[in-house]
PDB file of N, CA and C in Angstrom:
ATOM      1  N   UNK A   1       0.823  -1.169   0.000  1.00  0.00           N
ATOM      2  CA  UNK A   1       0.000   0.000   0.000  1.00  0.00           C
ATOM      3  C   UNK A   1       0.879   1.249   0.000  1.00  0.00           C
ATOM      4  N   UNK A   2       1.948   1.224   0.770  1.00  0.00           N
ATOM      5  CA  UNK A   2       2.846   2.378   0.811  1.00  0.00           C
ATOM      6  C   UNK A   2       3.390   2.693  -0.580  1.00  0.00           C
ATOM      7  N   UNK A   3       3.757   1.666  -1.312  1.00  0.00           N
ATOM      8  CA  UNK A   3       4.267   1.863  -2.671  1.00  0.00           C
ATOM      9  C   UNK A   3       3.192   2.503  -3.556  1.00  0.00           C
ATOM     10  N   UNK A   4       1.956   2.062  -3.418  1.00  0.00           N
ATOM     11  CA  UNK A   4       0.872   2.631  -4.225  1.00  0.00           C
ATOM     12  C   UNK A   4       0.650   4.096  -3.872  1.00  0.00           C
ATOM     13  N   UNK A   5       0.669   4.417  -2.568  1.00  0.00           N
ATOM     14  CA  UNK A   5       0.508   5.812  -2.156  1.00  0.00           C
ATOM     15  C   UNK A   5       1.665   6.666  -2.666  1.00  0.00           C
ATOM     16  N   UNK A   6       2.868   6.126  -2.610  1.00  0.00           N
ATOM     17  CA  UNK A   6       4.059   6.858  -3.042  1.00  0.00           C
ATOM     18  C   UNK A   6       4.006   7.177  -4.536  1.00  0.00           C
ATOM     19  N   UNK A   7       3.436   6.272  -5.303  1.00  0.00           N
ATOM     20  CA  UNK A   7       3.392   6.455  -6.751  1.00  0.00           C
ATOM     21  C   UNK A   7       2.106   7.132  -7.235  1.00  0.00           C
ATOM     22  N   UNK A   8       1.285   7.565  -6.322  1.00  0.00           N
ATOM     23  CA  UNK A   8       0.044   8.253  -6.680  1.00  0.00           C
ATOM     24  C   UNK A   8       0.259   9.757  -6.519  1.00  0.00           C
ATOM     25  N   UNK A   9       0.061  10.495  -7.595  1.00  0.00           N
ATOM     26  CA  UNK A   9       0.272  11.940  -7.546  1.00  0.00           C
ATOM     27  C   UNK A   9      -0.966  12.631  -6.980  1.00  0.00           C
ATOM     28  N   UNK A  10      -0.784  13.885  -6.577  1.00  0.00           N
ATOM     29  CA  UNK A  10      -1.846  14.640  -5.920  1.00  0.00           C
ATOM     30  C   UNK A  10      -3.121  14.699  -6.758  1.00  0.00           C
ATOM     31  N   UNK A  11      -2.991  14.906  -8.038  1.00  0.00           N
ATOM     32  CA  UNK A  11      -4.168  14.970  -8.904  1.00  0.00           C
ATOM     33  C   UNK A  11      -4.962  13.685  -8.894  1.00  0.00           C
ATOM     34  N   UNK A  12      -4.276  12.544  -8.808  1.00  0.00           N
ATOM     35  CA  UNK A  12      -4.973  11.265  -8.725  1.00  0.00           C
ATOM     36  C   UNK A  12      -5.722  11.152  -7.404  1.00  0.00           C
ATOM     37  N   UNK A  13      -5.107  11.605  -6.305  1.00  0.00           N
ATOM     38  CA  UNK A  13      -5.801  11.573  -5.013  1.00  0.00           C
ATOM     39  C   UNK A  13      -7.058  12.429  -5.065  1.00  0.00           C
ATOM     40  N   UNK A  14      -6.981  13.570  -5.731  1.00  0.00           N
ATOM     41  CA  UNK A  14      -8.154  14.429  -5.861  1.00  0.00           C
ATOM     42  C   UNK A  14      -9.246  13.730  -6.664  1.00  0.00           C
ATOM     43  N   UNK A  15      -8.839  13.021  -7.715  1.00  0.00           N
ATOM     44  CA  UNK A  15      -9.802  12.273  -8.519  1.00  0.00           C
ATOM     45  C   UNK A  15     -10.435  11.165  -7.690  1.00  0.00           C
ATOM     46  N   UNK A  16      -9.633  10.456  -6.895  1.00  0.00           N
ATOM     47  CA  UNK A  16     -10.186   9.404  -6.038  1.00  0.00           C
ATOM     48  C   UNK A  16     -11.181   9.988  -5.041  1.00  0.00           C
ATOM     49  N   UNK A  17     -10.854  11.148  -4.476  1.00  0.00           N
ATOM     50  CA  UNK A  17     -11.738  11.785  -3.507  1.00  0.00           C
ATOM     51  C   UNK A  17     -13.058  12.203  -4.130  1.00  0.00           C
ATOM     52  N   UNK A  18     -13.025  12.533  -5.403  1.00  0.00           N
ATOM     53  CA  UNK A  18     -14.227  13.013  -6.089  1.00  0.00           C
ATOM     54  C   UNK A  18     -15.102  11.878  -6.614  1.00  0.00           C
ATOM     55  N   UNK A  19     -14.615  10.644  -6.525  1.00  0.00           N
ATOM     56  CA  UNK A  19     -15.368   9.505  -7.046  1.00  0.00           C
ATOM     57  C   UNK A  19     -15.782   8.567  -5.927  1.00  0.00           C
ATOM     58  N   UNK A  20     -16.562   7.563  -6.289  1.00  0.00           N
ATOM     59  CA  UNK A  20     -17.117   6.650  -5.283  1.00  0.00           C
ATOM     60  C   UNK A  20     -16.227   5.427  -5.054  1.00  0.00           C
ATOM     61  N   UNK A  21     -16.671   4.588  -4.142  1.00  0.00           N
ATOM     62  CA  UNK A  21     -15.902   3.408  -3.756  1.00  0.00           C
ATOM     63  C   UNK A  21     -15.663   2.434  -4.896  1.00  0.00           C
ATOM     64  N   UNK A  22     -16.644   2.271  -5.773  1.00  0.00           N
ATOM     65  CA  UNK A  22     -16.474   1.361  -6.907  1.00  0.00           C
ATOM     66  C   UNK A  22     -15.351   1.836  -7.825  1.00  0.00           C
ATOM     67  N   UNK A  23     -15.326   3.130  -8.079  1.00  0.00           N
ATOM     68  CA  UNK A  23     -14.264   3.714  -8.901  1.00  0.00           C
ATOM     69  C   UNK A  23     -12.902   3.488  -8.245  1.00  0.00           C
ATOM     70  N   UNK A  24     -12.829   3.753  -6.943  1.00  0.00           N
ATOM     71  CA  UNK A  24     -11.557   3.608  -6.229  1.00  0.00           C
ATOM     72  C   UNK A  24     -11.132   2.155  -6.106  1.00  0.00           C
ATOM     73  N   UNK A  25     -12.101   1.250  -5.981  1.00  0.00           N
ATOM     74  CA  UNK A  25     -11.763  -0.182  -5.949  1.00  0.00           C
ATOM     75  C   UNK A  25     -11.088  -0.562  -7.265  1.00  0.00           C
ATOM     76  N   UNK A  26     -11.675  -0.127  -8.367  1.00  0.00           N
ATOM     77  CA  UNK A  26     -11.142  -0.485  -9.679  1.00  0.00           C
ATOM     78  C   UNK A  26      -9.807   0.199  -9.961  1.00  0.00           C
ATOM     79  N   UNK A  27      -9.732   1.518  -9.707  1.00  0.00           N
ATOM     80  CA  UNK A  27      -8.558   2.287 -10.127  1.00  0.00           C
ATOM     81  C   UNK A  27      -7.401   2.247  -9.122  1.00  0.00           C
ATOM     82  N   UNK A  28      -7.693   2.330  -7.805  1.00  0.00           N
ATOM     83  CA  UNK A  28      -6.606   2.318  -6.825  1.00  0.00           C
ATOM     84  C   UNK A  28      -6.299   0.894  -6.375  1.00  0.00           C
ATOM     85  N   UNK A  29      -7.298   0.226  -5.831  1.00  0.00           N
ATOM     86  CA  UNK A  29      -7.054  -1.120  -5.310  1.00  0.00           C
ATOM     87  C   UNK A  29      -6.880  -2.147  -6.418  1.00  0.00           C
ATOM     88  N   UNK A  30      -7.245  -1.797  -7.633  1.00  0.00           N
ATOM     89  CA  UNK A  30      -7.070  -2.697  -8.755  1.00  0.00           C
ATOM     90  C   UNK A  30      -5.696  -2.627  -9.390  1.00  0.00           C
ATOM     91  N   UNK A  31      -4.806  -1.839  -8.818  1.00  0.00           N
ATOM     92  CA  UNK A  31      -3.453  -1.693  -9.375  1.00  0.00           C
ATOM     93  C   UNK A  31      -2.677  -2.996  -9.370  1.00  0.00           C
ATOM     94  N   UNK A  32      -2.902  -3.803  -8.340  1.00  0.00           N
ATOM     95  CA  UNK A  32      -2.208  -5.091  -8.266  1.00  0.00           C
ATOM     96  C   UNK A  32      -2.985  -6.038  -7.345  1.00  0.00           C
ATOM     97  N   UNK A  33      -2.593  -7.295  -7.376  1.00  0.00           N
ATOM     98  CA  UNK A  33      -3.323  -8.330  -6.632  1.00  0.00           C
ATOM     99  C   UNK A  33      -3.265  -8.111  -5.119  1.00  0.00           C
ATOM    100  N   UNK A  34      -2.141  -7.620  -4.603  1.00  0.00           N
ATOM    101  CA  UNK A  34      -2.019  -7.399  -3.158  1.00  0.00           C
ATOM    102  C   UNK A  34      -3.021  -6.352  -2.669  1.00  0.00           C
ATOM    103  N   UNK A  35      -3.159  -5.260  -3.414  1.00  0.00           N
ATOM    104  CA  UNK A  35      -4.125  -4.230  -3.031  1.00  0.00           C
ATOM    105  C   UNK A  35      -5.558  -4.745  -3.163  1.00  0.00           C
ATOM    106  N   UNK A  36      -5.810  -5.524  -4.187  1.00  0.00           N
ATOM    107  CA  UNK A  36      -7.153  -6.090  -4.380  1.00  0.00           C
ATOM    108  C   UNK A  36      -7.542  -6.967  -3.199  1.00  0.00           C
ATOM    109  N   UNK A  37      -6.601  -7.732  -2.676  1.00  0.00           N
ATOM    110  CA  UNK A  37      -6.864  -8.571  -1.509  1.00  0.00           C
ATOM    111  C   UNK A  37      -7.194  -7.708  -0.298  1.00  0.00           C
ATOM    112  N   UNK A  38      -6.481  -6.596  -0.119  1.00  0.00           N
ATOM    113  CA  UNK A  38      -6.752  -5.700   1.005  1.00  0.00           C
ATOM    114  C   UNK A  38      -8.174  -5.144   0.960  1.00  0.00           C
ATOM    115  N   UNK A  39      -8.662  -4.886  -0.236  1.00  0.00           N
ATOM    116  CA  UNK A  39      -9.989  -4.280  -0.378  1.00  0.00           C
ATOM    117  C   UNK A  39     -11.102  -5.304  -0.533  1.00  0.00           C
ATOM    118  N   UNK A  40     -10.761  -6.567  -0.664  1.00  0.00           N
ATOM    119  CA  UNK A  40     -11.764  -7.594  -0.948  1.00  0.00           C
ATOM    120  C   UNK A  40     -12.857  -7.679   0.113  1.00  0.00           C
ATOM    121  N   UNK A  41     -12.518  -7.463   1.366  1.00  0.00           N
ATOM    122  CA  UNK A  41     -13.512  -7.590   2.433  1.00  0.00           C
ATOM    123  C   UNK A  41     -14.280  -6.294   2.677  1.00  0.00           C
ATOM    124  N   UNK A  42     -13.955  -5.227   1.948  1.00  0.00           N
ATOM    125  CA  UNK A  42     -14.621  -3.936   2.122  1.00  0.00           C
ATOM    126  C   UNK A  42     -15.704  -3.749   1.063  1.00  0.00           C
ATOM    127  N   UNK A  43     -16.820  -3.193   1.483  1.00  0.00           N
ATOM    128  CA  UNK A  43     -17.855  -2.834   0.513  1.00  0.00           C
ATOM    129  C   UNK A  43     -17.425  -1.562  -0.210  1.00  0.00           C
ATOM    130  N   UNK A  44     -18.081  -1.272  -1.328  1.00  0.00           N
ATOM    131  CA  UNK A  44     -17.783  -0.028  -2.038  1.00  0.00           C
ATOM    132  C   UNK A  44     -18.055   1.177  -1.138  1.00  0.00           C
ATOM    133  N   UNK A  45     -19.088   1.084  -0.304  1.00  0.00           N
ATOM    134  CA  UNK A  45     -19.414   2.179   0.622  1.00  0.00           C
ATOM    135  C   UNK A  45     -18.293   2.385   1.642  1.00  0.00           C
ATOM    136  N   UNK A  46     -17.736   1.281   2.160  1.00  0.00           N
ATOM    137  CA  UNK A  46     -16.625   1.393   3.116  1.00  0.00           C
ATOM    138  C   UNK A  46     -15.391   2.001   2.451  1.00  0.00           C
ATOM    139  N   UNK A  47     -15.138   1.609   1.217  1.00  0.00           N
ATOM    140  CA  UNK A  47     -14.004   2.186   0.487  1.00  0.00           C
ATOM    141  C   UNK A  47     -14.244   3.675   0.272  1.00  0.00           C
ATOM    142  N   UNK A  48     -15.480   4.040  -0.016  1.00  0.00           N
ATOM    143  CA  UNK A  48     -15.822   5.445  -0.226  1.00  0.00           C
ATOM    144  C   UNK A  48     -15.553   6.282   1.021  1.00  0.00           C
ATOM    145  N   UNK A  49     -15.688   5.685   2.199  1.00  0.00           N
ATOM    146  CA  UNK A  49     -15.474   6.426   3.446  1.00  0.00           C
ATOM    147  C   UNK A  49     -14.017   6.479   3.885  1.00  0.00           C
ATOM    148  N   UNK A  50     -13.135   5.731   3.217  1.00  0.00           N
ATOM    149  CA  UNK A  50     -11.710   5.774   3.565  1.00  0.00           C
ATOM    150  C   UNK A  50     -11.148   7.148   3.241  1.00  0.00           C
ATOM    151  N   UNK A  51     -10.278   7.624   4.089  1.00  0.00           N
ATOM    152  CA  UNK A  51      -9.628   8.909   3.857  1.00  0.00           C
ATOM    153  C   UNK A  51      -8.126   8.676   3.774  1.00  0.00           C
ATOM    154  N   UNK A  52      -7.505   9.323   2.813  1.00  0.00           N
ATOM    155  CA  UNK A  52      -6.072   9.087   2.599  1.00  0.00           C
ATOM    156  C   UNK A  52      -5.197  10.137   3.267  1.00  0.00           C
ATOM    157  N   UNK A  53      -5.762  10.895   4.142  1.00  0.00           N
ATOM    158  CA  UNK A  53      -4.939  11.846   4.880  1.00  0.00           C
ATOM    159  C   UNK A  53      -5.325  13.267   4.569  1.00  0.00           C
ATOM    160  N   UNK A  54      -4.398  14.119   4.721  1.00  0.00           N
ATOM    161  CA  UNK A  54      -4.651  15.530   4.495  1.00  0.00           C
ATOM    162  C   UNK A  54      -3.606  16.338   5.230  1.00  0.00           C
ATOM    163  N   UNK A  55      -3.939  17.557   5.498  1.00  0.00           N
ATOM    164  CA  UNK A  55      -2.997  18.426   6.188  1.00  0.00           C
ATOM    165  C   UNK A  55      -2.888  18.029   7.656  1.00  0.00           C
ATOM    166  N   UNK A  56      -1.680  17.989   8.159  1.00  0.00           N
ATOM    167  CA  UNK A  56      -1.417  17.682   9.560  1.00  0.00           C
ATOM    168  C   UNK A  56      -1.633  18.960  10.370  1.00  0.00           C
ATOM    169  N   UNK A  57      -2.658  18.960  11.212  1.00  0.00           N
ATOM    170  CA  UNK A  57      -3.027  20.155  11.969  1.00  0.00           C
ATOM    171  C   UNK A  57      -1.867  20.640  12.847  1.00  0.00           C
ATOM    172  N   UNK A  58      -1.146  19.729  13.461  1.00  0.00           N
ATOM    173  CA  UNK A  58      -0.005  20.104  14.303  1.00  0.00           C
ATOM    174  C   UNK A  58       1.074  20.818  13.516  1.00  0.00           C
ATOM    175  N   UNK A  59       1.364  20.312  12.320  1.00  0.00           N
ATOM    176  CA  UNK A  59       2.388  20.945  11.478  1.00  0.00           C
ATOM    177  C   UNK A  59       1.923  22.308  10.985  1.00  0.00           C
ATOM    178  N   UNK A  60       0.648  22.414  10.635  1.00  0.00           N
ATOM    179  CA  UNK A  60       0.122  23.714  10.202  1.00  0.00           C
ATOM    180  C   UNK A  60       0.231  24.746  11.310  1.00  0.00           C
ATOM    181  N   UNK A  61      -0.140  24.345  12.523  1.00  0.00           N
ATOM    182  CA  UNK A  61      -0.068  25.265  13.657  1.00  0.00           C
ATOM    183  C   UNK A  61       1.384  25.686  13.921  1.00  0.00           C
ATOM    184  N   UNK A  62       2.296  24.738  13.889  1.00  0.00           N
ATOM    185  CA  UNK A  62       3.705  25.047  14.140  1.00  0.00           C
ATOM    186  C   UNK A  62       4.256  26.000  13.078  1.00  0.00           C
ATOM    187  N   UNK A  63       3.906  25.767  11.811  1.00  0.00           N
ATOM    188  CA  UNK A  63       4.387  26.653  10.742  1.00  0.00           C
ATOM    189  C   UNK A  63       3.799  28.047  10.888  1.00  0.00           C
ATOM    190  N   UNK A  64       2.527  28.121  11.223  1.00  0.00           N
ATOM    191  CA  UNK A  64       1.880  29.428  11.401  1.00  0.00           C
ATOM    192  C   UNK A  64       2.509  30.176  12.574  1.00  0.00           C
ATOM    193  N   UNK A  65       2.723  29.481  13.692  1.00  0.00           N
ATOM    194  CA  UNK A  65       3.330  30.115  14.870  1.00  0.00           C
ATOM    195  C   UNK A  65       4.737  30.610  14.545  1.00  0.00           C
ATOM    196  N   UNK A  66       5.498  29.823  13.810  1.00  0.00           N
ATOM    197  CA  UNK A  66       6.852  30.222  13.433  1.00  0.00           C
ATOM    198  C   UNK A  66       6.819  31.443  12.513  1.00  0.00           C
ATOM    199  N   UNK A  67       5.864  31.472  11.571  1.00  0.00           N
ATOM    200  CA  UNK A  67       5.742  32.614  10.665  1.00  0.00           C
ATOM    201  C   UNK A  67       5.360  33.883  11.431  1.00  0.00           C
ATOM    202  N   UNK A  68       4.477  33.759  12.414  1.00  0.00           N
ATOM    203  CA  UNK A  68       4.089  34.911  13.217  1.00  0.00           C
ATOM    204  C   UNK A  68       5.251  35.454  14.039  1.00  0.00           C
ATOM    205  N   UNK A  69       6.087  34.565  14.522  1.00  0.00           N
ATOM    206  CA  UNK A  69       7.202  34.976  15.379  1.00  0.00           C
ATOM    207  C   UNK A  69       8.393  35.531  14.585  1.00  0.00           C
ATOM    208  N   UNK A  70       8.436  35.250  13.297  1.00  0.00           N
ATOM    209  CA  UNK A  70       9.552  35.682  12.457  1.00  0.00           C
ATOM    210  C   UNK A  70       9.511  37.201  12.244  1.00  0.00           C
ATOM    211  N   UNK A  71      10.637  37.850  12.394  1.00  0.00           N
ATOM    212  CA  UNK A  71      10.718  39.322  12.259  1.00  0.00           C
ATOM    213  C   UNK A  71      11.851  39.692  11.314  1.00  0.00           C
ATOM    214  N   UNK A  72      11.698  40.858  10.687  1.00  0.00           N
ATOM    215  CA  UNK A  72      12.800  41.434   9.928  1.00  0.00           C
ATOM    216  C   UNK A  72      12.777  41.163   8.428  1.00  0.00           C
ATOM    217  N   UNK A  73      11.943  40.263   7.964  1.00  0.00           N
ATOM    218  CA  UNK A  73      11.856  39.994   6.539  1.00  0.00           C
ATOM    219  C   UNK A  73      10.554  39.272   6.246  1.00  0.00           C
ATOM    220  N   UNK A  74      10.145  39.251   4.987  1.00  0.00           N
ATOM    221  CA  UNK A  74       8.896  38.556   4.634  1.00  0.00           C
ATOM    222  C   UNK A  74       8.989  37.056   4.934  1.00  0.00           C
ATOM    223  N   UNK A  75       7.839  36.486   5.178  1.00  0.00           N
ATOM    224  CA  UNK A  75       7.770  35.051   5.443  1.00  0.00           C
ATOM    225  C   UNK A  75       6.865  34.397   4.419  1.00  0.00           C
ATOM    226  N   UNK A  76       7.269  33.269   3.914  1.00  0.00           N
ATOM    227  CA  UNK A  76       6.462  32.539   2.947  1.00  0.00           C
ATOM    228  C   UNK A  76       5.680  31.467   3.671  1.00  0.00           C
TER     229      UNK A  76
END
């Protein structure tokens, strides 16, 4: 699964998020037999409810706090 996530670009994740479990079963879990086995016991509805992550709230807060504390030059 890690290999599949590593080789999936952001645009593909957005496409998976915009589609249903049947689509994701075919396109993501259908990449190879190992992934298909992982999804075999899940319904399309359960696959639809899976979330592949997102922004880490702790990291966002730390970056924002660091940007606020930075002085003397612009912060990106």
